Amino acid sequence: MGEEGTRTFQEVLDKAQEQTNQTLSHLPTEVQEVFVDSLHDSTIERIEREEDTLHIYVNTDGGFSSKAFIHFTFSDILSEKTDVPLQVDQWFIYYELQKTNEGFAFRVLFECPESEWTIDFKKMEAKYYYRPVVFERLKDNNELDGMSLNEYIKELNPAYNYYLNTPDVSCTIKSLKESMLFQEGEIEITNNQMNVTVDNKQFNYDLDQYNPIHFIYTNVYEDPYAHLQIPVAIEELEAAATSDDIELQVRAWNTMYSNPNELAKIINRVLLSIEKTEENEMMISVYVNHFYAEGILSDMVIEKYQNEMMK
């Protein structure tokens, strides 16, 4: 795609986003909150139909939303058009909402398989859930697969509400114990098999394929990276910025980023002392340009990083 094509495509996207934002003002607050984040690369995990109502359950783990699991309900459906039947594991690559004379329209381009789907409806609702903060931290440290369900449950905050969302069922978890309890059932794990019983229906999951930890969600959002915003003490800043402790290093650079004028002398000393590598090139470019825009860099630092300026 050439420069002209790229510009035209971006104009189309901008117009669709503007139209979606205008349409959202006519929809419930929960739906508006879902579309604050992008659904791009989110995946359909479950589809349920009943009369003129459609339920779509979306997993956003591969996407860009802090809301990890979303349940869309389209009711009073007027029409539905698609070149390929809607199916599990399709993922969103483009979408837009429109206000129509009779209600609303939701248009989506899916991949795997590639298809275009449009649904016209009168009512739309949404429920959404987050990953527990411990899930994100364990995932970042590649420790999820090594933790048992019971160990994981002990790490959860008992003051929060939790929910089970599997490929077959969604329900509230009433009690977090060695065996999680639901409205009329529980989880039982035996012989590498997880058996979920809810409302007298049983669903079985092979633990070689499914990790039950991935089925647990909450309605409370906690920033898994909030600890990286904790400032580093000024007297420890230089050592922390070049530390082998990655989290301490990130905290130090975040501290300098937020206080460039107050910490100008330390920032210049750190930038003069560190060695440029392929691994830190991107990071250095971001910070150097930020500090340059703040007007706090010395002539020596500007000379050292002139190739990184305004990239």
Protein backbone atom coordinates (compact mmCIF):
# COMPACT_ATOMS: atom_id res chain seq x y z
CA MET A 1 0.00 0.00 0.00
CA GLY A 2 1.49 3.35 -1.08
CA GLU A 3 1.46 6.59 0.88
CA GLU A 4 -1.79 7.70 -0.76
CA GLY A 5 -3.43 4.34 -0.07
CA THR A 6 -2.29 4.41 3.55
CA ARG A 7 -3.72 7.91 4.00
CA THR A 8 -7.04 6.93 2.42
CA PHE A 9 -7.28 3.81 4.60
CA GLN A 10 -6.56 5.85 7.73
CA GLU A 11 -9.29 8.32 6.75
CA VAL A 12 -11.74 5.42 6.46
CA LEU A 13 -10.73 4.16 9.90
CA ASP A 14 -11.03 7.62 11.44
CA LYS A 15 -14.49 8.12 9.95
CA ALA A 16 -15.64 4.70 11.18
CA GLN A 17 -14.32 5.46 14.68
CA GLU A 18 -16.12 8.80 14.73
CA GLN A 19 -19.36 7.11 13.66
CA THR A 20 -18.91 4.41 16.31
CA ASN A 21 -18.33 7.02 19.02
CA GLN A 22 -21.48 8.89 18.01
CA THR A 23 -23.50 5.66 18.06
CA LEU A 24 -22.20 4.63 21.47
CA SER A 25 -23.89 7.62 23.10
CA HIS A 26 -27.21 5.87 22.40
CA LEU A 27 -26.14 2.57 24.00
CA PRO A 28 -25.83 1.45 27.65
CA THR A 29 -22.87 2.59 29.75
CA GLU A 30 -21.39 -0.92 29.90
CA VAL A 31 -21.29 -1.09 26.08
CA GLN A 32 -19.61 2.31 25.94
CA GLU A 33 -17.00 1.14 28.45
CA VAL A 34 -16.20 -1.93 26.35
CA PHE A 35 -15.46 0.21 23.30
CA VAL A 36 -13.10 2.48 25.22
CA ASP A 37 -10.48 -0.18 24.39
CA SER A 38 -9.88 -1.77 21.01
CA LEU A 39 -11.40 -5.15 20.13
CA HIS A 40 -8.79 -5.69 17.43
CA ASP A 41 -7.34 -9.24 17.60
CA SER A 42 -9.93 -10.34 20.17
CA THR A 43 -11.30 -13.85 19.60
CA ILE A 44 -14.80 -15.31 19.68
CA GLU A 45 -14.84 -17.99 22.37
CA ARG A 46 -18.52 -18.91 22.49
CA ILE A 47 -21.73 -18.29 20.53
CA GLU A 48 -25.25 -18.91 21.86
CA ARG A 49 -28.57 -18.20 20.16
CA GLU A 50 -32.13 -18.08 21.52
CA GLU A 51 -35.07 -16.83 19.43
CA ASP A 52 -34.19 -13.27 18.40
CA THR A 53 -31.23 -12.95 20.79
CA LEU A 54 -27.54 -13.62 20.11
CA HIS A 55 -24.85 -14.01 22.78
CA ILE A 56 -21.21 -13.66 21.75
CA TYR A 57 -18.45 -14.28 24.29
CA VAL A 58 -15.14 -12.67 23.39
CA ASN A 59 -11.68 -13.36 24.78
CA THR A 60 -9.31 -10.39 24.43
CA ASP A 61 -6.08 -12.07 25.60
CA GLY A 62 -4.53 -11.63 22.16
CA GLY A 63 -5.78 -8.07 21.79
CA PHE A 64 -5.49 -4.62 23.31
CA SER A 65 -8.22 -4.41 25.94
CA SER A 66 -7.82 -4.44 29.71
CA LYS A 67 -11.22 -6.15 29.77
CA ALA A 68 -10.18 -9.77 29.36
CA PHE A 69 -13.57 -11.40 28.71
CA ILE A 70 -16.63 -9.70 27.19
CA HIS A 71 -20.18 -10.99 26.88
CA PHE A 72 -22.16 -9.21 24.16
CA THR A 73 -25.94 -9.64 23.96
CA PHE A 74 -27.78 -8.55 20.83
CA SER A 75 -31.57 -8.69 21.22
CA ASP A 76 -34.56 -7.83 19.04
CA ILE A 77 -32.46 -8.80 16.04
CA LEU A 78 -33.74 -7.33 12.78
CA SER A 79 -31.35 -9.01 10.34
CA GLU A 80 -28.00 -10.75 10.13
CA LYS A 81 -25.78 -11.00 7.06
CA THR A 82 -22.50 -12.83 6.55
CA ASP A 83 -20.59 -14.55 3.78
CA VAL A 84 -19.25 -17.16 6.23
CA PRO A 85 -21.22 -18.39 9.29
CA LEU A 86 -20.13 -16.81 12.54
CA GLN A 87 -17.87 -19.25 14.40
CA VAL A 88 -15.64 -19.80 17.41
CA ASP A 89 -11.96 -18.75 17.12
CA GLN A 90 -12.62 -16.03 14.55
CA TRP A 91 -10.82 -12.85 15.52
CA PHE A 92 -11.70 -9.18 15.02
CA ILE A 93 -9.66 -7.17 12.51
CA TYR A 94 -12.11 -4.28 11.95
CA TYR A 95 -15.48 -3.19 13.34
CA GLU A 96 -17.88 -0.27 13.42
CA LEU A 97 -21.20 0.63 15.04
CA GLN A 98 -23.92 2.58 13.24
CA LYS A 99 -27.19 4.18 14.35
CA THR A 100 -30.02 3.21 11.98
CA ASN A 101 -33.66 4.27 11.63
CA GLU A 102 -34.84 1.07 13.35
CA GLY A 103 -32.02 0.59 15.86
CA PHE A 104 -28.35 -0.17 15.40
CA ALA A 105 -25.95 -2.04 13.14
CA PHE A 106 -22.67 -3.70 14.11
CA ARG A 107 -20.33 -4.54 11.24
CA VAL A 108 -17.24 -6.69 11.76
CA LEU A 109 -14.47 -8.02 9.54
CA PHE A 110 -13.19 -11.33 10.91
CA GLU A 111 -10.15 -13.43 10.16
CA CYS A 112 -9.69 -17.24 10.31
CA PRO A 113 -11.78 -17.65 8.29
CA GLU A 114 -11.96 -14.26 6.61
CA SER A 115 -15.53 -12.96 6.58
CA GLU A 116 -17.72 -9.88 6.82
CA TRP A 117 -20.59 -9.96 9.32
CA THR A 118 -23.31 -7.38 9.90
CA ILE A 119 -26.07 -7.60 12.49
CA ASP A 120 -28.97 -5.15 12.77
CA PHE A 121 -30.67 -5.02 16.17
CA LYS A 122 -32.64 -2.86 18.57
CA LYS A 123 -30.86 -3.60 21.85
CA MET A 124 -27.24 -4.31 22.80
CA GLU A 125 -25.84 -5.11 26.23
CA ALA A 126 -22.37 -6.01 27.47
CA LYS A 127 -20.80 -7.52 30.54
CA TYR A 128 -17.05 -7.63 31.00
CA TYR A 129 -14.49 -9.16 33.32
CA TYR A 130 -10.83 -8.68 34.13
CA ARG A 131 -7.95 -11.03 34.78
CA PRO A 132 -6.95 -11.06 38.47
CA VAL A 133 -3.79 -9.03 38.93
CA VAL A 134 -1.91 -12.15 40.08
CA PHE A 135 -2.68 -13.77 36.71
CA GLU A 136 -0.92 -10.99 34.80
CA ARG A 137 2.13 -11.08 37.07
CA LEU A 138 2.46 -14.85 36.82
CA LYS A 139 2.04 -14.69 33.04
CA ASP A 140 4.78 -12.07 32.70
CA ASN A 141 7.12 -14.29 34.72
CA ASN A 142 6.14 -17.46 32.80
CA GLU A 143 4.92 -19.04 36.04
CA LEU A 144 1.28 -19.77 35.21
CA ASP A 145 1.76 -23.33 34.01
CA GLY A 146 3.76 -24.28 37.08
CA MET A 147 1.08 -23.28 39.59
CA SER A 148 -1.73 -25.54 40.72
CA LEU A 149 -5.33 -24.34 40.92
CA ASN A 150 -5.30 -24.52 44.72
CA GLU A 151 -2.08 -22.49 44.92
CA TYR A 152 -3.55 -19.92 42.58
CA ILE A 153 -6.79 -19.58 44.56
CA LYS A 154 -4.76 -18.79 47.70
CA GLU A 155 -3.18 -15.84 45.84
CA LEU A 156 -6.56 -14.27 44.97
CA ASN A 157 -8.01 -11.41 47.02
CA PRO A 158 -10.96 -12.93 48.98
CA ALA A 159 -12.68 -9.53 49.14
CA TYR A 160 -13.30 -9.51 45.38
CA ASN A 161 -16.01 -11.19 43.32
CA TYR A 162 -14.90 -13.94 40.93
CA TYR A 163 -16.47 -15.56 37.90
CA LEU A 164 -15.94 -18.70 35.86
CA ASN A 165 -15.91 -18.34 32.08
CA THR A 166 -15.18 -21.51 30.13
CA PRO A 167 -15.81 -22.40 26.46
CA ASP A 168 -19.21 -23.74 27.58
CA VAL A 169 -20.49 -21.92 30.65
CA SER A 170 -20.34 -18.64 32.61
CA CYS A 171 -21.30 -18.30 36.26
CA THR A 172 -20.53 -16.61 39.55
CA ILE A 173 -18.08 -18.28 41.91
CA LYS A 174 -19.72 -18.26 45.35
CA SER A 175 -16.81 -19.57 47.38
CA LEU A 176 -13.05 -19.71 46.82
CA LYS A 177 -11.84 -22.83 48.55
CA GLU A 178 -9.92 -25.91 47.45
CA SER A 179 -12.98 -26.65 45.35
CA MET A 180 -14.69 -23.58 43.86
CA LEU A 181 -18.44 -23.52 44.43
CA PHE A 182 -21.05 -22.15 42.01
CA GLN A 183 -24.82 -21.63 42.09
CA GLU A 184 -25.58 -25.37 42.03
CA GLY A 185 -22.26 -27.05 41.51
CA GLU A 186 -18.51 -27.06 41.78
CA ILE A 187 -15.20 -27.98 40.18
CA GLU A 188 -13.74 -31.42 40.65
CA ILE A 189 -10.28 -32.31 39.36
CA THR A 190 -9.45 -36.00 39.05
CA ASN A 191 -7.19 -38.01 36.75
CA ASN A 192 -6.03 -35.00 34.75
CA GLN A 193 -9.64 -34.04 34.10
CA MET A 194 -11.55 -30.99 35.31
CA ASN A 195 -15.27 -31.54 35.76
CA VAL A 196 -17.41 -28.41 36.09
CA THR A 197 -20.95 -28.91 37.33
CA VAL A 198 -23.35 -25.96 37.06
CA ASP A 199 -27.16 -26.07 37.21
CA ASN A 200 -27.03 -29.88 37.08
CA LYS A 201 -25.05 -29.82 33.83
CA GLN A 202 -21.53 -31.18 33.68
CA PHE A 203 -18.72 -29.99 31.42
CA ASN A 204 -15.41 -31.83 31.21
CA TYR A 205 -12.01 -30.36 30.32
CA ASP A 206 -8.78 -32.21 29.67
CA LEU A 207 -6.05 -30.49 31.70
CA ASP A 208 -3.52 -31.21 28.95
CA GLN A 209 -5.54 -28.81 26.82
CA TYR A 210 -7.05 -26.43 29.39
CA ASN A 211 -5.53 -24.69 32.40
CA PRO A 212 -8.39 -23.98 34.88
CA ILE A 213 -6.58 -20.86 36.06
CA HIS A 214 -7.43 -19.29 32.70
CA PHE A 215 -11.17 -19.68 33.46
CA ILE A 216 -11.18 -17.40 36.53
CA TYR A 217 -12.04 -13.69 36.18
CA THR A 218 -13.03 -10.79 38.42
CA ASN A 219 -14.99 -7.56 38.04
CA VAL A 220 -12.26 -5.53 39.76
CA TYR A 221 -9.50 -3.98 37.66
CA GLU A 222 -6.03 -3.68 39.17
CA ASP A 223 -3.11 -2.34 37.16
CA PRO A 224 -0.54 -5.17 37.15
CA TYR A 225 2.20 -2.63 36.51
CA ALA A 226 1.25 -0.07 39.15
CA HIS A 227 4.31 -1.03 41.20
CA LEU A 228 6.53 0.19 38.36
CA GLN A 229 5.26 3.72 38.99
CA ILE A 230 6.61 3.77 42.56
CA PRO A 231 9.32 6.48 42.53
CA VAL A 232 12.92 5.62 43.30
CA ALA A 233 14.64 7.72 45.98
CA ILE A 234 16.87 10.41 44.47
CA GLU A 235 19.99 9.13 46.22
CA GLU A 236 19.42 5.68 44.66
CA LEU A 237 18.38 6.87 41.21
CA GLU A 238 21.66 6.64 39.27
CA ALA A 239 22.45 3.14 40.49
CA ALA A 240 18.88 1.99 39.90
CA ALA A 241 18.80 3.31 36.31
CA THR A 242 21.72 1.06 35.33
CA SER A 243 20.80 -1.83 37.61
CA ASP A 244 20.50 -5.46 36.46
CA ASP A 245 17.15 -5.55 38.29
CA ILE A 246 14.77 -4.81 35.39
CA GLU A 247 11.85 -3.70 37.58
CA LEU A 248 14.09 -1.35 39.57
CA GLN A 249 15.52 -0.02 36.33
CA VAL A 250 12.05 0.67 34.90
CA ARG A 251 10.99 2.43 38.10
CA ALA A 252 14.10 4.63 37.91
CA TRP A 253 13.51 5.67 34.31
CA ASN A 254 9.83 6.31 35.05
CA THR A 255 10.89 8.51 37.97
CA MET A 256 13.22 10.54 35.74
CA TYR A 257 10.61 10.75 32.96
CA SER A 258 8.07 12.24 35.35
CA ASN A 259 10.48 14.76 36.93
CA PRO A 260 12.87 15.94 34.18
CA ASN A 261 13.59 19.44 35.49
CA GLU A 262 14.10 18.44 39.10
CA LEU A 263 16.36 15.54 38.10
CA ALA A 264 18.17 17.16 35.14
CA LYS A 265 21.69 16.73 36.52
CA ILE A 266 21.15 13.05 37.34
CA ILE A 267 19.52 12.41 33.94
CA ASN A 268 22.49 13.89 32.08
CA ARG A 269 24.98 11.88 34.14
CA VAL A 270 23.05 8.65 33.53
CA LEU A 271 22.76 9.27 29.78
CA LEU A 272 26.47 10.01 29.52
CA SER A 273 27.39 6.87 31.45
CA ILE A 274 25.23 4.22 29.76
CA GLU A 275 26.35 2.27 26.72
CA LYS A 276 24.10 2.23 23.66
CA THR A 277 23.17 -1.27 22.46
CA GLU A 278 20.67 -2.81 20.05
CA GLU A 279 18.63 -3.94 23.07
CA ASN A 280 18.26 -0.48 24.62
CA GLU A 281 18.17 1.58 21.40
CA MET A 282 14.37 1.94 21.34
CA MET A 283 14.14 2.82 25.03
CA ILE A 284 16.93 5.38 24.79
CA SER A 285 15.33 7.02 21.76
CA VAL A 286 12.02 7.48 23.62
CA TYR A 287 13.60 8.93 26.75
CA VAL A 288 16.21 11.09 25.00
CA ASN A 289 13.59 12.73 22.80
CA HIS A 290 11.37 13.33 25.82
CA PHE A 291 14.19 14.94 27.79
CA TYR A 292 15.29 16.93 24.72
CA ALA A 293 11.77 18.31 24.32
CA GLU A 294 11.90 19.31 28.00
CA GLY A 295 15.10 21.27 27.25
CA ILE A 296 17.18 19.71 30.02
CA LEU A 297 19.91 17.89 28.05
CA SER A 298 23.52 19.10 28.15
CA ASP A 299 25.50 19.73 24.96
CA MET A 300 27.58 16.59 25.59
CA VAL A 301 24.47 14.41 25.86
CA ILE A 302 22.93 15.97 22.73
CA GLU A 303 26.14 15.25 20.82
CA LYS A 304 26.24 11.63 22.05
CA TYR A 305 22.62 10.95 21.07
CA GLN A 306 22.24 13.12 17.98
CA ASN A 307 21.44 10.00 15.87
CA GLU A 308 18.59 9.13 18.23
CA MET A 309 17.03 12.61 18.17
CA MET A 310 13.51 12.81 16.75
CA LYS A 311 13.48 9.31 15.27
